Amino acid sequence: MFNLSISVPEIIARVIIVYIFLFVLLRILGKRHVGDLGPFDIIVLLILSECVQNALIGDDKSVLGGLVAAGTLFGLSQIAAWLTWHSKTAERFLEGTPRILVRNGQVCADVLAKERINNKELMEARRKEGCSSLLSVRYAVLENDGSISIGLRAQRS
């Protein structure tokens, strides 16, 4: 139960490698896919966790191996949080930056394409804000969490 079949440093190295790989993979997928999880996305993430499980601790099935892996993941998460708190550069790299999708009623098609957001998703965000016309949108921003914030133009009386 507590006998490791691989060494603690090897488990830590495996966790760090898999953590970095998954981080890069999720950053490549884009904000929308992380912030707006649908049933398919959740299934993929659950299967993904099963796929990398052996990469984390190999054939080790001990409690101690699982605790070392979990502790390493927690530590990496804390390091990332500390870095983003203390460095704007690290924050931009690790969390990304908000992206402007609409500016003064004009859709930034290149940004929509890069972030893989279609007009239907943009229209849905507008409707949630009670906005029927694109012309009344001052800005629409894709936030780091994957949500879309809408700022409306001031109503003229």
N, C-alpha and C. Protein backbone atom coordinates (compact mmCIF):
# COMPACT_ATOMS: atom_id res chain seq x y z
N MET A 1 0.82 -1.19 0.00
CA MET A 1 0.00 0.00 0.00
C MET A 1 0.87 1.26 0.00
N PHE A 2 1.97 1.27 0.73
CA PHE A 2 2.83 2.45 0.78
C PHE A 2 4.18 2.23 0.11
N ASN A 3 4.38 1.06 -0.52
CA ASN A 3 5.64 0.76 -1.20
C ASN A 3 5.59 1.28 -2.63
N LEU A 4 6.51 2.16 -2.95
CA LEU A 4 6.56 2.74 -4.28
C LEU A 4 7.28 1.80 -5.25
N SER A 5 6.75 1.68 -6.47
CA SER A 5 7.44 0.89 -7.49
C SER A 5 8.36 1.77 -8.34
N ILE A 6 8.17 3.10 -8.27
CA ILE A 6 9.10 4.04 -8.90
C ILE A 6 9.46 5.10 -7.86
N SER A 7 10.53 5.82 -8.09
CA SER A 7 11.02 6.77 -7.09
C SER A 7 10.17 8.03 -7.03
N VAL A 8 10.24 8.69 -5.88
CA VAL A 8 9.51 9.95 -5.68
C VAL A 8 9.96 11.00 -6.69
N PRO A 9 11.28 11.20 -6.93
CA PRO A 9 11.67 12.19 -7.94
C PRO A 9 11.13 11.86 -9.33
N GLU A 10 11.02 10.58 -9.68
CA GLU A 10 10.46 10.22 -10.98
C GLU A 10 8.99 10.57 -11.05
N ILE A 11 8.25 10.33 -9.98
CA ILE A 11 6.83 10.70 -9.96
C ILE A 11 6.69 12.21 -10.12
N ILE A 12 7.49 12.98 -9.39
CA ILE A 12 7.43 14.43 -9.47
C ILE A 12 7.75 14.91 -10.89
N ALA A 13 8.79 14.34 -11.50
CA ALA A 13 9.16 14.72 -12.87
C ALA A 13 8.04 14.38 -13.85
N ARG A 14 7.42 13.21 -13.69
CA ARG A 14 6.31 12.81 -14.57
C ARG A 14 5.15 13.79 -14.46
N VAL A 15 4.82 14.15 -13.23
CA VAL A 15 3.70 15.08 -13.00
C VAL A 15 3.99 16.43 -13.65
N ILE A 16 5.21 16.93 -13.48
CA ILE A 16 5.57 18.23 -14.05
C ILE A 16 5.48 18.18 -15.58
N ILE A 17 5.98 17.12 -16.20
CA ILE A 17 5.94 16.99 -17.65
C ILE A 17 4.50 16.95 -18.16
N VAL A 18 3.66 16.14 -17.52
CA VAL A 18 2.25 16.02 -17.95
C VAL A 18 1.51 17.34 -17.71
N TYR A 19 1.77 17.99 -16.59
CA TYR A 19 1.14 19.27 -16.27
C TYR A 19 1.46 20.30 -17.34
N ILE A 20 2.72 20.42 -17.71
CA ILE A 20 3.13 21.39 -18.72
C ILE A 20 2.50 21.04 -20.08
N PHE A 21 2.51 19.76 -20.44
CA PHE A 21 1.91 19.33 -21.70
C PHE A 21 0.43 19.69 -21.76
N LEU A 22 -0.31 19.38 -20.69
CA LEU A 22 -1.74 19.68 -20.67
C LEU A 22 -2.00 21.19 -20.66
N PHE A 23 -1.16 21.94 -19.95
CA PHE A 23 -1.30 23.39 -19.93
C PHE A 23 -1.16 23.95 -21.35
N VAL A 24 -0.12 23.54 -22.05
CA VAL A 24 0.11 24.01 -23.42
C VAL A 24 -1.05 23.59 -24.32
N LEU A 25 -1.51 22.36 -24.18
CA LEU A 25 -2.62 21.87 -24.99
C LEU A 25 -3.88 22.70 -24.76
N LEU A 26 -4.20 22.99 -23.51
CA LEU A 26 -5.40 23.78 -23.21
C LEU A 26 -5.25 25.23 -23.66
N ARG A 27 -4.04 25.78 -23.61
CA ARG A 27 -3.83 27.15 -24.10
C ARG A 27 -4.01 27.21 -25.61
N ILE A 28 -3.57 26.15 -26.31
CA ILE A 28 -3.72 26.10 -27.76
C ILE A 28 -5.20 26.00 -28.14
N LEU A 29 -5.97 25.25 -27.37
CA LEU A 29 -7.39 25.08 -27.67
C LEU A 29 -8.15 26.40 -27.61
N GLY A 30 -7.70 27.32 -26.79
CA GLY A 30 -8.36 28.62 -26.72
C GLY A 30 -9.25 28.75 -25.51
N LYS A 31 -9.58 30.00 -25.20
CA LYS A 31 -10.36 30.32 -24.01
C LYS A 31 -11.77 29.77 -24.06
N ARG A 32 -12.39 29.80 -25.22
CA ARG A 32 -13.78 29.37 -25.31
C ARG A 32 -13.93 27.92 -24.88
N HIS A 33 -12.98 27.10 -25.26
CA HIS A 33 -13.10 25.68 -24.97
C HIS A 33 -12.88 25.37 -23.49
N VAL A 34 -12.17 26.22 -22.81
CA VAL A 34 -11.94 25.99 -21.38
C VAL A 34 -13.06 26.61 -20.56
N GLY A 35 -13.50 27.80 -20.90
CA GLY A 35 -14.48 28.52 -20.10
C GLY A 35 -15.92 28.11 -20.32
N ASP A 36 -16.23 27.51 -21.44
CA ASP A 36 -17.62 27.20 -21.77
C ASP A 36 -17.75 25.71 -22.05
N LEU A 37 -17.58 24.91 -21.02
CA LEU A 37 -17.57 23.46 -21.19
C LEU A 37 -18.98 22.91 -21.41
N GLY A 38 -19.11 22.20 -22.50
CA GLY A 38 -20.35 21.48 -22.77
C GLY A 38 -20.17 20.02 -22.38
N PRO A 39 -21.21 19.21 -22.55
CA PRO A 39 -21.11 17.79 -22.18
C PRO A 39 -19.97 17.07 -22.90
N PHE A 40 -19.78 17.34 -24.18
CA PHE A 40 -18.70 16.69 -24.92
C PHE A 40 -17.34 17.07 -24.34
N ASP A 41 -17.17 18.36 -24.00
CA ASP A 41 -15.90 18.84 -23.45
C ASP A 41 -15.60 18.18 -22.10
N ILE A 42 -16.64 18.02 -21.28
CA ILE A 42 -16.45 17.39 -19.97
C ILE A 42 -16.03 15.93 -20.15
N ILE A 43 -16.66 15.24 -21.09
CA ILE A 43 -16.30 13.86 -21.37
C ILE A 43 -14.84 13.78 -21.82
N VAL A 44 -14.43 14.67 -22.70
CA VAL A 44 -13.05 14.68 -23.18
C VAL A 44 -12.09 14.91 -22.01
N LEU A 45 -12.40 15.84 -21.13
CA LEU A 45 -11.52 16.09 -19.98
C LEU A 45 -11.45 14.89 -19.04
N LEU A 46 -12.58 14.22 -18.82
CA LEU A 46 -12.57 13.04 -17.97
C LEU A 46 -11.73 11.92 -18.59
N ILE A 47 -11.88 11.71 -19.87
CA ILE A 47 -11.10 10.68 -20.56
C ILE A 47 -9.63 11.08 -20.58
N LEU A 48 -9.37 12.37 -20.77
CA LEU A 48 -8.00 12.86 -20.77
C LEU A 48 -7.31 12.56 -19.44
N SER A 49 -8.04 12.73 -18.35
CA SER A 49 -7.44 12.43 -17.05
C SER A 49 -7.08 10.95 -16.93
N GLU A 50 -7.90 10.10 -17.49
CA GLU A 50 -7.58 8.67 -17.50
C GLU A 50 -6.37 8.37 -18.39
N CYS A 51 -6.28 9.09 -19.51
CA CYS A 51 -5.17 8.87 -20.44
C CYS A 51 -3.82 9.21 -19.81
N VAL A 52 -3.78 10.26 -19.02
CA VAL A 52 -2.49 10.69 -18.46
C VAL A 52 -2.20 10.08 -17.10
N GLN A 53 -3.14 9.36 -16.54
CA GLN A 53 -2.94 8.79 -15.20
C GLN A 53 -1.68 7.95 -15.12
N ASN A 54 -1.49 7.03 -16.06
CA ASN A 54 -0.29 6.19 -16.02
C ASN A 54 0.98 6.99 -16.29
N ALA A 55 0.86 8.06 -17.06
CA ALA A 55 2.03 8.91 -17.29
C ALA A 55 2.46 9.60 -16.01
N LEU A 56 1.52 9.82 -15.10
CA LEU A 56 1.85 10.50 -13.84
C LEU A 56 2.60 9.58 -12.88
N ILE A 57 2.09 8.38 -12.67
CA ILE A 57 2.71 7.51 -11.65
C ILE A 57 3.08 6.14 -12.19
N GLY A 58 3.03 5.94 -13.50
CA GLY A 58 3.46 4.68 -14.10
C GLY A 58 2.68 3.51 -13.56
N ASP A 59 3.37 2.45 -13.27
CA ASP A 59 2.72 1.23 -12.76
C ASP A 59 2.50 1.28 -11.25
N ASP A 60 2.92 2.36 -10.63
CA ASP A 60 2.78 2.48 -9.18
C ASP A 60 1.31 2.63 -8.81
N LYS A 61 0.85 1.77 -7.94
CA LYS A 61 -0.55 1.83 -7.51
C LYS A 61 -0.63 2.06 -5.99
N SER A 62 0.46 2.56 -5.42
CA SER A 62 0.48 2.76 -3.98
C SER A 62 -0.22 4.06 -3.60
N VAL A 63 -0.66 4.11 -2.37
CA VAL A 63 -1.26 5.33 -1.83
C VAL A 63 -0.24 6.45 -1.83
N LEU A 64 0.99 6.12 -1.43
CA LEU A 64 2.04 7.12 -1.37
C LEU A 64 2.32 7.73 -2.74
N GLY A 65 2.33 6.90 -3.80
CA GLY A 65 2.55 7.41 -5.15
C GLY A 65 1.45 8.39 -5.56
N GLY A 66 0.21 8.05 -5.25
CA GLY A 66 -0.91 8.95 -5.54
C GLY A 66 -0.82 10.24 -4.76
N LEU A 67 -0.39 10.15 -3.49
CA LEU A 67 -0.25 11.34 -2.66
C LEU A 67 0.88 12.24 -3.18
N VAL A 68 1.98 11.63 -3.59
CA VAL A 68 3.09 12.42 -4.15
C VAL A 68 2.63 13.13 -5.42
N ALA A 69 1.92 12.42 -6.31
CA ALA A 69 1.43 13.02 -7.55
C ALA A 69 0.45 14.15 -7.25
N ALA A 70 -0.49 13.91 -6.35
CA ALA A 70 -1.47 14.94 -6.00
C ALA A 70 -0.79 16.14 -5.35
N GLY A 71 0.15 15.89 -4.47
CA GLY A 71 0.88 16.98 -3.82
C GLY A 71 1.68 17.80 -4.82
N THR A 72 2.27 17.13 -5.81
CA THR A 72 3.02 17.84 -6.85
C THR A 72 2.09 18.70 -7.69
N LEU A 73 0.92 18.15 -8.06
CA LEU A 73 -0.06 18.95 -8.83
C LEU A 73 -0.51 20.17 -8.03
N PHE A 74 -0.78 19.96 -6.75
CA PHE A 74 -1.18 21.07 -5.89
C PHE A 74 -0.06 22.11 -5.83
N GLY A 75 1.18 21.65 -5.68
CA GLY A 75 2.32 22.56 -5.62
C GLY A 75 2.47 23.36 -6.91
N LEU A 76 2.34 22.70 -8.05
CA LEU A 76 2.42 23.40 -9.34
C LEU A 76 1.33 24.45 -9.47
N SER A 77 0.13 24.11 -9.01
CA SER A 77 -0.98 25.05 -9.03
C SER A 77 -0.68 26.27 -8.16
N GLN A 78 -0.10 26.04 -6.99
CA GLN A 78 0.24 27.14 -6.08
C GLN A 78 1.35 28.01 -6.67
N ILE A 79 2.32 27.38 -7.32
CA ILE A 79 3.41 28.14 -7.96
C ILE A 79 2.84 29.02 -9.07
N ALA A 80 1.95 28.45 -9.89
CA ALA A 80 1.33 29.23 -10.97
C ALA A 80 0.54 30.40 -10.39
N ALA A 81 -0.21 30.16 -9.32
CA ALA A 81 -0.99 31.24 -8.69
C ALA A 81 -0.06 32.32 -8.14
N TRP A 82 1.03 31.93 -7.51
CA TRP A 82 1.99 32.89 -6.96
C TRP A 82 2.61 33.71 -8.09
N LEU A 83 3.01 33.02 -9.16
CA LEU A 83 3.63 33.72 -10.30
C LEU A 83 2.68 34.75 -10.91
N THR A 84 1.41 34.36 -11.10
CA THR A 84 0.45 35.30 -11.71
C THR A 84 0.14 36.47 -10.78
N TRP A 85 0.24 36.26 -9.49
CA TRP A 85 0.01 37.33 -8.52
C TRP A 85 1.16 38.33 -8.52
N HIS A 86 2.38 37.83 -8.72
CA HIS A 86 3.56 38.69 -8.58
C HIS A 86 4.14 39.19 -9.91
N SER A 87 3.69 38.70 -11.02
CA SER A 87 4.27 39.10 -12.30
C SER A 87 3.20 39.24 -13.37
N LYS A 88 3.08 40.44 -13.91
CA LYS A 88 2.12 40.68 -14.99
C LYS A 88 2.49 39.86 -16.23
N THR A 89 3.78 39.71 -16.49
CA THR A 89 4.22 38.91 -17.64
C THR A 89 3.79 37.46 -17.47
N ALA A 90 4.02 36.91 -16.29
CA ALA A 90 3.60 35.53 -16.01
C ALA A 90 2.09 35.41 -16.09
N GLU A 91 1.38 36.43 -15.61
CA GLU A 91 -0.09 36.40 -15.66
C GLU A 91 -0.58 36.35 -17.11
N ARG A 92 0.00 37.18 -17.97
CA ARG A 92 -0.38 37.17 -19.38
C ARG A 92 -0.06 35.83 -20.03
N PHE A 93 1.10 35.26 -19.69
CA PHE A 93 1.49 33.99 -20.28
C PHE A 93 0.62 32.84 -19.78
N LEU A 94 0.39 32.78 -18.48
CA LEU A 94 -0.35 31.66 -17.90
C LEU A 94 -1.86 31.77 -18.07
N GLU A 95 -2.38 32.98 -17.97
CA GLU A 95 -3.83 33.14 -18.02
C GLU A 95 -4.34 33.74 -19.32
N GLY A 96 -3.45 34.31 -20.11
CA GLY A 96 -3.86 34.95 -21.35
C GLY A 96 -4.32 36.38 -21.10
N THR A 97 -4.80 37.00 -22.15
CA THR A 97 -5.31 38.37 -22.04
C THR A 97 -6.69 38.42 -22.69
N PRO A 98 -7.56 39.27 -22.18
CA PRO A 98 -8.88 39.42 -22.82
C PRO A 98 -8.71 39.87 -24.27
N ARG A 99 -9.62 39.43 -25.11
CA ARG A 99 -9.55 39.76 -26.53
C ARG A 99 -10.81 40.52 -26.94
N ILE A 100 -10.63 41.62 -27.67
CA ILE A 100 -11.77 42.42 -28.12
C ILE A 100 -12.36 41.76 -29.36
N LEU A 101 -13.66 41.43 -29.28
CA LEU A 101 -14.38 40.78 -30.37
C LEU A 101 -15.17 41.78 -31.21
N VAL A 102 -15.70 42.81 -30.54
CA VAL A 102 -16.48 43.85 -31.22
C VAL A 102 -16.02 45.19 -30.66
N ARG A 103 -15.78 46.13 -31.56
CA ARG A 103 -15.39 47.49 -31.15
C ARG A 103 -16.29 48.47 -31.88
N ASN A 104 -17.07 49.24 -31.11
CA ASN A 104 -17.98 50.25 -31.68
C ASN A 104 -18.87 49.69 -32.78
N GLY A 105 -19.48 48.54 -32.51
CA GLY A 105 -20.42 47.93 -33.43
C GLY A 105 -19.79 47.17 -34.59
N GLN A 106 -18.47 47.17 -34.68
CA GLN A 106 -17.75 46.49 -35.76
C GLN A 106 -17.14 45.20 -35.24
N VAL A 107 -17.50 44.08 -35.86
CA VAL A 107 -16.98 42.78 -35.46
C VAL A 107 -15.52 42.67 -35.90
N CYS A 108 -14.67 42.21 -35.02
CA CYS A 108 -13.26 41.94 -35.34
C CYS A 108 -13.18 40.49 -35.80
N ALA A 109 -13.44 40.28 -37.08
CA ALA A 109 -13.56 38.93 -37.65
C ALA A 109 -12.29 38.12 -37.46
N ASP A 110 -11.13 38.77 -37.55
CA ASP A 110 -9.88 38.04 -37.39
C ASP A 110 -9.73 37.48 -35.98
N VAL A 111 -10.16 38.24 -34.99
CA VAL A 111 -10.09 37.78 -33.60
C VAL A 111 -11.09 36.64 -33.38
N LEU A 112 -12.31 36.79 -33.92
CA LEU A 112 -13.31 35.72 -33.81
C LEU A 112 -12.76 34.43 -34.41
N ALA A 113 -12.13 34.52 -35.55
CA ALA A 113 -11.58 33.33 -36.20
C ALA A 113 -10.45 32.72 -35.37
N LYS A 114 -9.58 33.56 -34.87
CA LYS A 114 -8.45 33.06 -34.07
C LYS A 114 -8.93 32.38 -32.80
N GLU A 115 -9.95 32.92 -32.17
CA GLU A 115 -10.48 32.36 -30.92
C GLU A 115 -11.54 31.30 -31.17
N ARG A 116 -11.84 31.04 -32.43
CA ARG A 116 -12.82 30.03 -32.84
C ARG A 116 -14.20 30.29 -32.21
N ILE A 117 -14.64 31.53 -32.35
CA ILE A 117 -15.97 31.93 -31.88
C ILE A 117 -16.79 32.26 -33.11
N ASN A 118 -17.97 31.67 -33.19
CA ASN A 118 -18.80 31.94 -34.36
C ASN A 118 -19.82 33.03 -34.04
N ASN A 119 -20.49 33.51 -35.08
CA ASN A 119 -21.47 34.59 -34.91
C ASN A 119 -22.62 34.18 -34.00
N LYS A 120 -22.98 32.91 -34.02
CA LYS A 120 -24.06 32.42 -33.16
C LYS A 120 -23.71 32.62 -31.68
N GLU A 121 -22.48 32.33 -31.31
CA GLU A 121 -22.06 32.52 -29.91
C GLU A 121 -22.03 33.99 -29.53
N LEU A 122 -21.59 34.82 -30.47
CA LEU A 122 -21.57 36.26 -30.22
C LEU A 122 -23.00 36.80 -30.09
N MET A 123 -23.90 36.32 -30.94
CA MET A 123 -25.31 36.73 -30.88
C MET A 123 -25.94 36.30 -29.55
N GLU A 124 -25.59 35.10 -29.09
CA GLU A 124 -26.12 34.61 -27.81
C GLU A 124 -25.68 35.51 -26.66
N ALA A 125 -24.43 35.92 -26.67
CA ALA A 125 -23.92 36.82 -25.62
C ALA A 125 -24.64 38.17 -25.68
N ARG A 126 -24.89 38.66 -26.89
CA ARG A 126 -25.63 39.92 -27.04
C ARG A 126 -27.04 39.79 -26.48
N ARG A 127 -27.71 38.68 -26.82
CA ARG A 127 -29.09 38.48 -26.33
C ARG A 127 -29.13 38.43 -24.81
N LYS A 128 -28.14 37.82 -24.19
CA LYS A 128 -28.10 37.75 -22.72
C LYS A 128 -28.03 39.14 -22.10
N GLU A 129 -27.47 40.08 -22.84
CA GLU A 129 -27.39 41.47 -22.37
C GLU A 129 -28.59 42.30 -22.81
N GLY A 130 -29.53 41.66 -23.51
CA GLY A 130 -30.71 42.37 -23.98
C GLY A 130 -30.44 43.26 -25.17
N CYS A 131 -29.44 42.92 -25.93
CA CYS A 131 -29.04 43.74 -27.08
C CYS A 131 -29.45 43.05 -28.37
N SER A 132 -30.29 43.71 -29.15
CA SER A 132 -30.76 43.10 -30.39
C SER A 132 -29.93 43.52 -31.60
N SER A 133 -29.27 44.65 -31.53
CA SER A 133 -28.53 45.17 -32.67
C SER A 133 -27.03 45.26 -32.37
N LEU A 134 -26.24 44.84 -33.31
CA LEU A 134 -24.79 44.93 -33.18
C LEU A 134 -24.35 46.40 -33.09
N LEU A 135 -25.12 47.29 -33.70
CA LEU A 135 -24.77 48.71 -33.68
C LEU A 135 -24.83 49.32 -32.28
N SER A 136 -25.60 48.71 -31.38
CA SER A 136 -25.67 49.25 -30.02
C SER A 136 -24.58 48.67 -29.11
N VAL A 137 -23.70 47.85 -29.66
CA VAL A 137 -22.60 47.28 -28.87
C VAL A 137 -21.39 48.20 -28.96
N ARG A 138 -20.96 48.70 -27.82
CA ARG A 138 -19.74 49.52 -27.77
C ARG A 138 -18.53 48.61 -27.83
N TYR A 139 -18.60 47.49 -27.06
CA TYR A 139 -17.52 46.51 -27.10
C TYR A 139 -18.05 45.15 -26.69
N ALA A 140 -17.40 44.12 -27.18
CA ALA A 140 -17.60 42.75 -26.71
C ALA A 140 -16.21 42.18 -26.50
N VAL A 141 -15.99 41.61 -25.31
CA VAL A 141 -14.66 41.13 -24.95
C VAL A 141 -14.74 39.67 -24.53
N LEU A 142 -13.84 38.87 -25.09
CA LEU A 142 -13.69 37.49 -24.65
C LEU A 142 -12.77 37.52 -23.44
N GLU A 143 -13.34 37.20 -22.27
CA GLU A 143 -12.59 37.26 -21.03
C GLU A 143 -11.70 36.01 -20.90
N ASN A 144 -10.77 36.05 -19.97
CA ASN A 144 -9.85 34.93 -19.77
C ASN A 144 -10.55 33.65 -19.35
N ASP A 145 -11.71 33.77 -18.73
CA ASP A 145 -12.44 32.57 -18.29
C ASP A 145 -13.32 31.99 -19.39
N GLY A 146 -13.31 32.61 -20.57
CA GLY A 146 -14.09 32.11 -21.70
C GLY A 146 -15.44 32.78 -21.87
N SER A 147 -15.84 33.61 -20.93
CA SER A 147 -17.12 34.31 -21.06
C SER A 147 -16.95 35.53 -21.96
N ILE A 148 -18.08 36.00 -22.48
CA ILE A 148 -18.07 37.19 -23.33
C ILE A 148 -18.78 38.31 -22.60
N SER A 149 -18.07 39.42 -22.38
CA SER A 149 -18.64 40.60 -21.74
C SER A 149 -19.06 41.58 -22.84
N ILE A 150 -20.24 42.15 -22.66
CA ILE A 150 -20.78 43.10 -23.64
C ILE A 150 -20.95 44.46 -22.97
N GLY A 151 -20.46 45.49 -23.62
CA GLY A 151 -20.68 46.86 -23.18
C GLY A 151 -21.53 47.57 -24.21
N LEU A 152 -22.64 48.11 -23.76
CA LEU A 152 -23.57 48.77 -24.69
C LEU A 152 -23.31 50.26 -24.77
N ARG A 153 -23.64 50.83 -25.92
CA ARG A 153 -23.53 52.28 -26.08
C ARG A 153 -24.60 52.94 -25.21
N ALA A 154 -24.31 54.15 -24.80
CA ALA A 154 -25.26 54.91 -24.00
C ALA A 154 -26.50 55.20 -24.85
N GLN A 155 -27.67 55.06 -24.25
CA GLN A 155 -28.93 55.35 -24.93
C GLN A 155 -29.12 56.85 -25.02
N ARG A 156 -29.47 57.31 -26.20
CA ARG A 156 -29.72 58.75 -26.37
C ARG A 156 -31.20 59.02 -26.15
N SER A 157 -31.46 60.10 -25.43
CA SER A 157 -32.84 60.46 -25.13
C SER A 157 -33.36 61.46 -26.11
